[in-house]
Protein backbone atom coordinates (compact mmCIF):
# COMPACT_ATOMS: atom_id res chain seq x y z
CA MET A 1 9.30 31.51 -4.12
CA SER A 2 11.67 33.30 -1.73
CA HIS A 3 14.95 31.71 -0.64
CA LEU A 4 13.59 31.21 2.90
CA ALA A 5 10.36 29.68 1.61
CA LEU A 6 12.30 27.33 -0.67
CA LYS A 7 14.49 26.15 2.23
CA ARG A 8 11.39 25.51 4.33
CA PHE A 9 9.76 23.58 1.48
CA LEU A 10 12.84 21.41 0.99
CA PHE A 11 13.16 20.72 4.72
CA ILE A 12 9.55 19.60 5.02
CA THR A 13 9.82 17.46 1.91
CA LEU A 14 12.81 15.58 3.35
CA LEU A 15 10.49 14.30 6.05
CA VAL A 16 7.51 13.54 3.88
CA ALA A 17 7.02 9.91 2.91
CA LEU A 18 3.96 10.51 0.82
CA VAL A 19 2.75 13.84 -0.52
CA SER A 20 -0.88 14.58 -1.26
CA PRO A 21 -0.82 17.50 -3.68
CA ALA A 22 -4.47 17.38 -4.66
CA ALA A 23 -5.73 18.40 -1.26
CA CYS A 24 -2.55 19.44 0.54
CA THR A 25 -2.59 16.34 2.74
CA HIS A 26 0.71 16.04 4.57
CA ILE A 27 1.86 12.53 5.52
CA GLU A 28 5.03 12.25 7.60
CA ARG A 29 6.54 9.02 8.92
CA PHE A 30 8.92 9.10 11.88
CA LYS A 31 11.80 6.63 12.08
CA ARG A 32 13.19 5.26 15.34
CA PRO A 33 14.80 6.46 17.50
CA PHE A 34 12.42 9.38 17.82
CA THR A 35 13.95 12.16 19.88
CA HIS A 36 11.73 15.21 19.73
CA ARG A 37 8.38 16.81 19.01
CA VAL A 38 6.12 14.30 20.74
CA ASP A 39 5.65 12.80 24.21
CA ARG A 40 8.48 10.43 25.17
CA ARG A 41 5.91 7.72 25.98
CA VAL A 42 5.27 7.17 22.28
CA ARG A 43 8.85 7.42 21.01
CA ASP A 44 9.02 3.65 20.53
CA LYS A 45 5.77 3.58 18.52
CA GLU A 46 5.19 3.86 14.80
CA LEU A 47 4.08 7.45 14.25
CA VAL A 48 2.52 9.24 11.29
CA ARG A 49 1.77 12.94 10.88
CA ILE A 50 -1.41 13.59 8.86
CA ASP A 51 -2.35 17.21 8.16
CA ASN A 52 -0.11 18.48 10.99
CA ARG A 53 -1.50 16.08 13.60
CA VAL A 54 0.51 13.11 14.94
CA TYR A 55 -1.10 9.65 15.05
CA VAL A 56 0.01 6.34 16.62
CA LYS A 57 -0.39 3.01 14.80
CA VAL A 58 -2.20 0.57 17.12
CA SER A 59 -3.81 -2.86 16.89
CA ASN A 60 -7.53 -2.86 16.19
CA PRO A 61 -9.26 -4.97 18.88
CA ASP A 62 -12.34 -5.47 16.67
CA ALA A 63 -10.20 -7.27 14.08
CA GLN A 64 -10.10 -10.36 16.28
CA THR A 65 -13.85 -10.87 16.06
CA GLU A 66 -14.89 -9.16 12.84
CA GLY A 67 -13.23 -10.38 9.68
CA ALA A 68 -13.99 -7.17 7.79
CA GLN A 69 -12.07 -5.01 10.27
CA MET A 70 -8.56 -3.76 9.53
CA GLN A 71 -5.83 -5.27 11.71
CA TYR A 72 -4.38 -1.83 12.54
CA HIS A 73 -5.61 1.74 12.67
CA TYR A 74 -4.23 5.16 13.60
CA VAL A 75 -5.34 7.20 16.63
CA PRO A 76 -4.24 10.70 17.69
CA VAL A 77 -1.41 10.76 20.23
CA ASP A 78 -3.54 12.41 22.92
CA GLU A 79 -6.25 9.77 22.51
CA TYR A 80 -3.65 6.99 22.72
CA LEU A 81 -2.08 8.41 25.88
CA ALA A 82 -5.49 8.78 27.54
CA ASN A 83 -6.20 5.05 26.96
CA ARG A 84 -2.67 3.72 26.71
CA GLU A 85 -3.18 0.49 28.66
CA ALA A 86 -6.28 -0.45 26.66
CA PHE A 87 -4.55 0.10 23.31
CA ASP A 88 -1.39 -1.78 24.36
CA SER A 89 -3.30 -4.73 25.76
CA ALA A 90 -5.19 -5.11 22.48
CA ALA A 91 -1.89 -5.92 20.78
CA ILE A 92 -1.22 -8.93 23.02
CA SER A 93 -2.24 -12.28 21.48
CA THR A 94 -1.02 -15.86 21.56
CA PRO A 95 0.13 -16.90 18.08
CA SER A 96 -0.15 -20.43 16.83
CA PRO A 97 3.09 -22.30 16.11
CA LYS A 98 2.63 -21.59 12.42
CA GLU A 99 2.31 -17.86 13.00
CA GLU A 100 5.57 -17.72 14.93
CA GLU A 101 7.38 -18.95 11.83
CA TRP A 102 6.06 -16.08 9.72
CA ARG A 103 8.33 -13.11 9.10
CA PRO A 104 6.16 -9.98 8.89
CA VAL A 105 6.48 -7.67 5.93
CA GLU A 106 6.43 -3.88 5.86
CA LEU A 107 3.42 -2.37 4.15
CA GLU A 108 4.57 1.13 3.46
CA THR A 109 7.53 0.88 1.09
CA ALA A 110 9.14 -1.47 -1.37
CA SER A 111 12.90 -1.89 -1.55
CA LEU A 112 14.78 0.39 -3.91
CA SER A 113 16.73 -1.27 -6.69
CA THR A 114 20.46 -0.94 -6.17
CA THR A 115 21.31 -1.29 -9.84
CA GLU A 116 20.35 0.80 -12.82
CA GLU A 117 18.02 -1.05 -15.18
CA ALA A 118 17.99 -0.76 -18.93
CA ASP A 119 15.39 1.70 -20.19
CA LYS A 120 12.85 -0.92 -21.20
CA THR A 121 9.16 -0.20 -21.53
CA GLU A 122 6.03 -2.17 -20.69
CA GLU A 123 2.68 -2.54 -22.45
CA THR A 124 1.58 1.03 -21.70
CA GLY A 125 4.86 2.47 -22.96
CA THR A 126 5.88 3.34 -19.40
CA PRO A 127 9.65 2.94 -18.80
CA LEU A 128 10.17 0.04 -16.41
CA HIS A 129 12.24 2.04 -13.94
CA PHE A 130 9.13 3.85 -12.72
CA LYS A 131 7.55 2.18 -9.70
CA LYS A 132 3.79 1.96 -9.39
CA ARG A 133 2.02 2.61 -6.11
CA LEU A 134 -0.23 -0.28 -5.07
CA MET A 135 -2.72 -0.26 -2.20
CA ILE A 136 -3.80 -3.70 -0.98
CA VAL A 137 -6.86 -3.48 1.26
CA PRO A 138 -6.90 -6.00 4.14
CA PHE A 139 -9.00 -8.97 3.01
CA LYS A 140 -12.42 -9.62 4.50
CA ASP A 141 -13.02 -12.99 6.14
CA SER A 142 -16.62 -14.11 5.76
CA THR A 143 -15.94 -17.67 6.94
CA SER A 144 -16.35 -19.34 10.30
CA ALA A 145 -12.89 -20.91 10.11
CA SER A 146 -11.21 -21.85 13.37
CA HIS A 147 -8.15 -19.70 12.62
CA LYS A 148 -8.91 -16.04 13.35
CA LYS A 149 -6.09 -14.42 11.38
CA LEU A 150 -6.61 -15.84 7.92
CA ALA A 151 -7.23 -12.38 6.44
CA ASP A 152 -3.90 -11.18 7.87
CA ARG A 153 -2.08 -14.13 6.33
CA ALA A 154 -3.74 -13.48 2.97
CA LEU A 155 -2.51 -9.87 3.02
CA GLN A 156 1.01 -10.80 4.16
CA THR A 157 1.42 -13.58 1.61
CA LEU A 158 0.12 -11.41 -1.22
CA ILE A 159 2.57 -8.60 -0.45
CA SER A 160 5.46 -11.01 0.01
CA LYS A 161 4.80 -12.78 -3.30
CA ILE A 162 4.52 -9.51 -5.24
CA ARG A 163 7.76 -8.28 -3.69
CA THR A 164 9.65 -11.41 -4.69
CA THR A 165 8.48 -11.14 -8.31
CA SER A 166 8.87 -7.39 -8.90
CA ASP A 167 10.82 -4.47 -7.49
CA GLN A 168 8.76 -2.00 -9.52
CA ILE A 169 6.02 -1.61 -6.92
CA VAL A 170 5.67 0.67 -3.90
CA PHE A 171 3.08 -0.42 -1.34
CA PHE A 172 0.75 2.16 0.16
CA ASP A 173 -0.87 1.47 3.55
CA ALA A 174 -4.68 1.50 3.25
CA ALA A 175 -4.96 2.53 6.91
CA ILE A 176 -3.43 5.91 6.05
CA LEU A 177 -6.17 6.59 3.49
CA GLU A 178 -8.79 5.48 6.00
CA GLU A 179 -7.42 7.80 8.70
CA THR A 180 -7.06 10.72 6.29
CA LEU A 181 -10.71 10.42 5.27
CA ARG A 182 -11.74 10.15 8.91
CA SER A 183 -9.71 13.21 9.91
CA ARG A 184 -11.44 15.19 7.17
CA LYS A 185 -14.83 13.80 8.18
CA LEU A 186 -15.37 12.42 4.68
CA GLY A 187 -16.27 8.91 5.82
CA LEU A 188 -15.35 5.64 4.17
CA LYS A 189 -18.24 3.63 2.77
CA SER A 190 -16.11 1.13 0.89
CA PHE A 191 -12.62 0.88 -0.56
CA GLU A 192 -14.30 -0.10 -3.83
CA SER A 193 -16.58 2.95 -4.03
CA PRO A 194 -15.81 5.33 -6.92
CA GLU A 195 -15.34 8.22 -4.47
CA THR A 196 -12.74 6.36 -2.38
CA ILE A 197 -10.86 5.11 -5.44
CA GLN A 198 -10.74 8.63 -6.85
CA LEU A 199 -9.44 10.07 -3.57
CA ALA A 200 -6.74 7.39 -3.30
CA ASN A 201 -5.57 8.35 -6.78
CA GLN A 202 -5.78 12.11 -6.29
CA LEU A 203 -4.47 12.40 -2.73
CA PHE A 204 -1.73 9.77 -2.81
CA ASN A 205 -1.05 8.95 -6.48
CA VAL A 206 -2.16 5.35 -5.96
CA HIS A 207 -2.10 3.57 -9.32
CA ALA A 208 -3.95 0.39 -8.43
CA ILE A 209 -6.04 -1.08 -5.61
CA VAL A 210 -6.52 -4.73 -4.63
CA THR A 211 -9.49 -5.90 -2.57
CA GLY A 212 -10.43 -9.43 -1.60
CA THR A 213 -12.65 -11.72 0.44
CA ILE A 214 -12.17 -15.20 1.89
CA ASN A 215 -15.55 -16.68 0.99
CA HIS A 216 -15.61 -20.33 2.02
CA PHE A 217 -13.62 -23.02 3.80
CA PHE A 218 -13.97 -26.79 3.64
CA THR A 219 -11.87 -29.03 5.89
CA SER A 220 -11.50 -32.77 6.25
CA SER A 221 -9.53 -34.58 8.98
CA THR A 222 -8.46 -38.17 9.60
CA GLU A 223 -6.98 -39.57 12.78
CA SER A 224 -3.65 -41.35 12.38
CA LYS A 225 -3.57 -45.03 13.32
CA VAL A 226 -0.05 -44.49 14.63
CA LYS A 227 -0.15 -43.53 18.28
CA GLY A 228 0.98 -39.98 19.01
CA LYS A 229 0.86 -38.69 15.43
CA GLY A 230 -2.51 -36.98 15.78
CA LYS A 231 -4.69 -35.85 12.91
CA THR A 232 -4.02 -35.06 9.29
CA THR A 233 -6.21 -32.28 7.90
CA TYR A 234 -6.79 -30.93 4.40
CA ALA A 235 -8.52 -27.62 3.64
CA ILE A 236 -9.97 -26.05 0.52
CA ALA A 237 -10.44 -22.27 0.56
CA GLU A 238 -12.25 -20.03 -1.90
CA ILE A 239 -11.02 -16.46 -2.32
CA SER A 240 -12.33 -13.69 -4.55
CA ALA A 241 -10.22 -10.63 -5.39
CA LYS A 242 -10.25 -7.57 -7.62
CA LEU A 243 -7.57 -5.39 -9.18
CA ILE A 244 -8.77 -1.83 -9.84
CA ASP A 245 -7.10 0.87 -11.93
CA ALA A 246 -7.28 3.83 -9.53
CA ALA A 247 -6.99 6.49 -12.23
CA SER A 248 -10.03 5.30 -14.21
CA GLY A 249 -11.90 3.20 -11.65
CA ARG A 250 -11.84 0.32 -14.13
CA VAL A 251 -11.84 -3.22 -12.75
CA VAL A 252 -8.81 -4.71 -14.47
CA ARG A 253 -9.33 -8.30 -13.33
CA VAL A 254 -11.47 -10.41 -11.03
CA TRP A 255 -10.27 -13.65 -9.40
CA GLU A 256 -12.30 -16.57 -7.99
CA LYS A 257 -9.77 -19.17 -6.87
CA ARG A 258 -9.58 -22.41 -4.90
CA ASN A 259 -6.49 -24.30 -3.84
CA PRO A 260 -5.80 -27.94 -4.75
CA THR A 261 -6.30 -30.30 -1.82
CA PHE A 262 -2.70 -31.58 -1.82
CA ALA A 263 -1.37 -28.02 -1.17
CA SER A 264 -2.97 -27.76 2.27
CA GLU A 265 -1.87 -30.82 4.25
CA GLY A 266 -1.63 -30.11 7.98
CA LYS A 267 -0.39 -32.71 10.46
CA GLY A 268 -0.20 -33.09 14.23
CA ASP A 269 -1.10 -30.36 16.67
CA PHE A 270 -3.15 -27.51 15.21
CA SER A 271 -3.54 -29.54 11.99
CA GLU A 272 -6.74 -27.70 11.02
CA GLU A 273 -5.17 -24.25 11.47
CA LYS A 274 -2.05 -25.34 9.55
CA ALA A 275 -4.16 -26.63 6.67
CA GLN A 276 -6.22 -23.44 6.53
CA LEU A 277 -3.10 -21.24 6.44
CA LYS A 278 -1.50 -23.36 3.70
CA ALA A 279 -4.66 -23.08 1.61
CA ILE A 280 -4.68 -19.29 1.99
CA GLU A 281 -0.99 -19.03 1.15
CA TRP A 282 -1.32 -21.14 -2.00
CA ILE A 283 -4.21 -19.07 -3.41
CA THR A 284 -2.80 -15.64 -2.57
CA SER A 285 0.61 -16.60 -3.97
CA GLU A 286 -1.06 -17.46 -7.28
CA ILE A 287 -3.02 -14.20 -7.28
CA GLY A 288 0.14 -12.25 -6.40
CA LEU A 289 1.97 -13.59 -9.44
CA GLU A 290 -0.89 -12.59 -11.71
CA ILE A 291 -1.24 -9.13 -10.14
CA THR A 292 2.38 -8.41 -11.04
CA GLU A 293 1.63 -9.20 -14.68
CA GLU A 294 -1.62 -7.20 -14.74
CA LEU A 295 0.09 -4.11 -13.31
CA ARG A 296 2.18 -3.89 -16.46
CA GLY A 297 -0.95 -2.77 -18.29
CA ILE A 298 -1.70 0.11 -15.89
CA SER A 299 -0.09 3.41 -16.83
CA TRP A 300 2.22 5.32 -14.46
CA HIS A 301 1.48 8.92 -13.51
CA THR A 302 2.01 11.49 -10.80
CA THR A 303 1.14 15.17 -10.26
CA ILE A 304 2.71 18.60 -9.96
CA ALA A 305 2.94 19.73 -6.32
CA SER A 306 3.79 23.37 -7.05
CA VAL A 307 5.12 25.72 -9.73
CA ASP A 308 8.01 28.16 -9.24
CA GLY A 309 8.77 30.24 -12.33
CA ASP A 310 10.32 28.01 -14.97
CA ARG A 311 10.47 25.01 -12.61
CA VAL A 312 7.89 22.59 -11.23
CA TYR A 313 8.01 20.39 -8.13
CA ILE A 314 6.75 16.84 -8.79
CA SER A 315 5.18 14.44 -6.28
CA ALA A 316 7.43 11.54 -7.27
CA GLY A 317 11.15 11.00 -6.85
CA LYS A 318 13.65 8.35 -5.82
CA LEU A 319 11.14 5.99 -4.19
CA SER A 320 9.01 6.03 -7.35
CA GLY A 321 12.02 5.33 -9.58
CA VAL A 322 12.28 8.82 -11.09
CA ARG A 323 15.74 9.69 -12.46
CA VAL A 324 17.49 12.94 -13.30
CA GLY A 325 16.95 13.54 -17.01
CA ASP A 326 13.51 11.87 -17.20
CA VAL A 327 11.15 13.77 -19.50
CA PHE A 328 7.47 14.11 -18.62
CA SER A 329 4.43 15.40 -20.47
CA VAL A 330 2.12 17.59 -18.40
CA TYR A 331 -1.67 17.41 -18.77
CA PRO A 332 -4.51 19.45 -17.25
CA ALA A 333 -6.04 17.69 -14.25
CA ALA A 334 -9.53 17.85 -15.77
CA SER A 335 -8.68 16.63 -19.27
CA GLN A 336 -5.68 14.57 -20.33
CA GLU A 337 -6.18 14.51 -24.09
CA GLU A 338 -3.72 17.25 -25.07
CA PRO A 339 -0.54 17.97 -23.07
CA LYS A 340 0.32 21.49 -21.96
CA GLY A 341 4.00 20.85 -22.53
CA GLU A 342 7.02 18.99 -21.20
CA VAL A 343 9.39 19.11 -18.24
CA ARG A 344 12.77 17.48 -17.62
CA VAL A 345 13.83 16.27 -14.15
CA ALA A 346 16.77 18.32 -12.86
CA ASP A 347 17.15 16.97 -9.34
CA LEU A 348 15.73 14.52 -6.78
CA PHE A 349 15.16 15.44 -3.16
CA GLY A 350 13.47 14.07 -0.09
CA ILE A 351 12.10 10.55 0.00
CA ASP A 352 9.88 10.79 -3.06
CA SER A 353 9.96 14.22 -4.72
CA SER A 354 11.76 15.87 -7.62
CA VAL A 355 12.19 19.22 -9.33
CA ALA A 356 11.97 19.62 -13.11
CA ASP A 357 12.72 22.38 -15.61
CA ILE A 358 9.99 23.44 -18.02
CA THR A 359 11.31 22.72 -21.50
CA ARG A 360 8.15 23.34 -23.52
CA GLY A 361 4.71 24.83 -22.95
CA LYS A 362 3.18 27.10 -20.31
CA GLY A 363 0.24 27.44 -17.92
CA PHE A 364 1.38 24.64 -15.59
CA ARG A 365 -0.50 24.43 -12.30
CA ALA A 366 -0.46 22.42 -9.10
CA ASN A 367 -2.39 19.13 -9.50
CA ASP A 368 -1.66 18.90 -13.24
CA VAL A 369 -1.07 15.26 -14.22
CA VAL A 370 2.47 14.19 -15.14
CA ARG A 371 3.13 11.18 -17.38
CA PRO A 372 6.31 9.84 -19.01
CA THR A 373 6.83 11.28 -22.47
CA LEU A 374 6.64 8.51 -25.07
CA ARG A 375 9.40 8.74 -27.66
């Protein structure tokens, strides 16, 4: 790799939030304020570059009426500008009092630990400082509940609970996978299909996927005998969820949960909506705690992005918890029974990339699988 080519590679990597080595997918997130490269009318929007095309994150109007629809999706900048008023008006809604109290969470990244942890290992032998990439698919809502954003609350609560119990997880936005597949005209039949799971793992190094459905709702209300206090409502929800190992396609665990009645009491105005939201929050909080434990049994891995002489560039870095000095075993992409050799991380660069020296072996190629060396 020439000096000029190396400088160009490093510059691009500084802007890349997620690298897709398996198919050269290029994901680039722009942070505000945005001062160049795109029309000024979208500088205050959340932008993503996918395969050299810039997309705008917008609200999905169908999500209000169809529970299975994702709350957000990505559209090309030119398409957004041509229908700007329609896209912006779709984002306007009147939240219930309960929704106004909710502090939204970011989907794309988890916070980086500010302290160095001891080199402990989990069930798979993976050192605990490596962060696993988790994709939580927006839940489907197959109920006729009065509250229209129960699926959103399920997703938000699940992410929030996982974040409060572990800082070893990086969240990957499912909408990016959906848009990538659409831009390549591959289609998306289901997030649970073997093809989609494999692509999530190969393109974005996703380690695990969570899917879920709100199946049923039962509510019961009583009118208070005290004037002006309104109704008291209780709700029981039933949610099913799955945790899938993205590398193997194996279903790690299936949940079928209901909340206890006492956990859903809603009083006064919007008592039914309040009860429904409390029921959702109780169940997804419980599932979130158990997901954190189950993830300990899923092995960590990444891939080689490119090879340059006696060095390799790896698609994981600071965001994924990689440290200078980490030693990895390298396996062929097709078969991971016998390693080709080992590499040692020499430097971190960009948001989530690293460079490593080859210490043993030969024949390394882009897309080879990289796993922590077990000592």
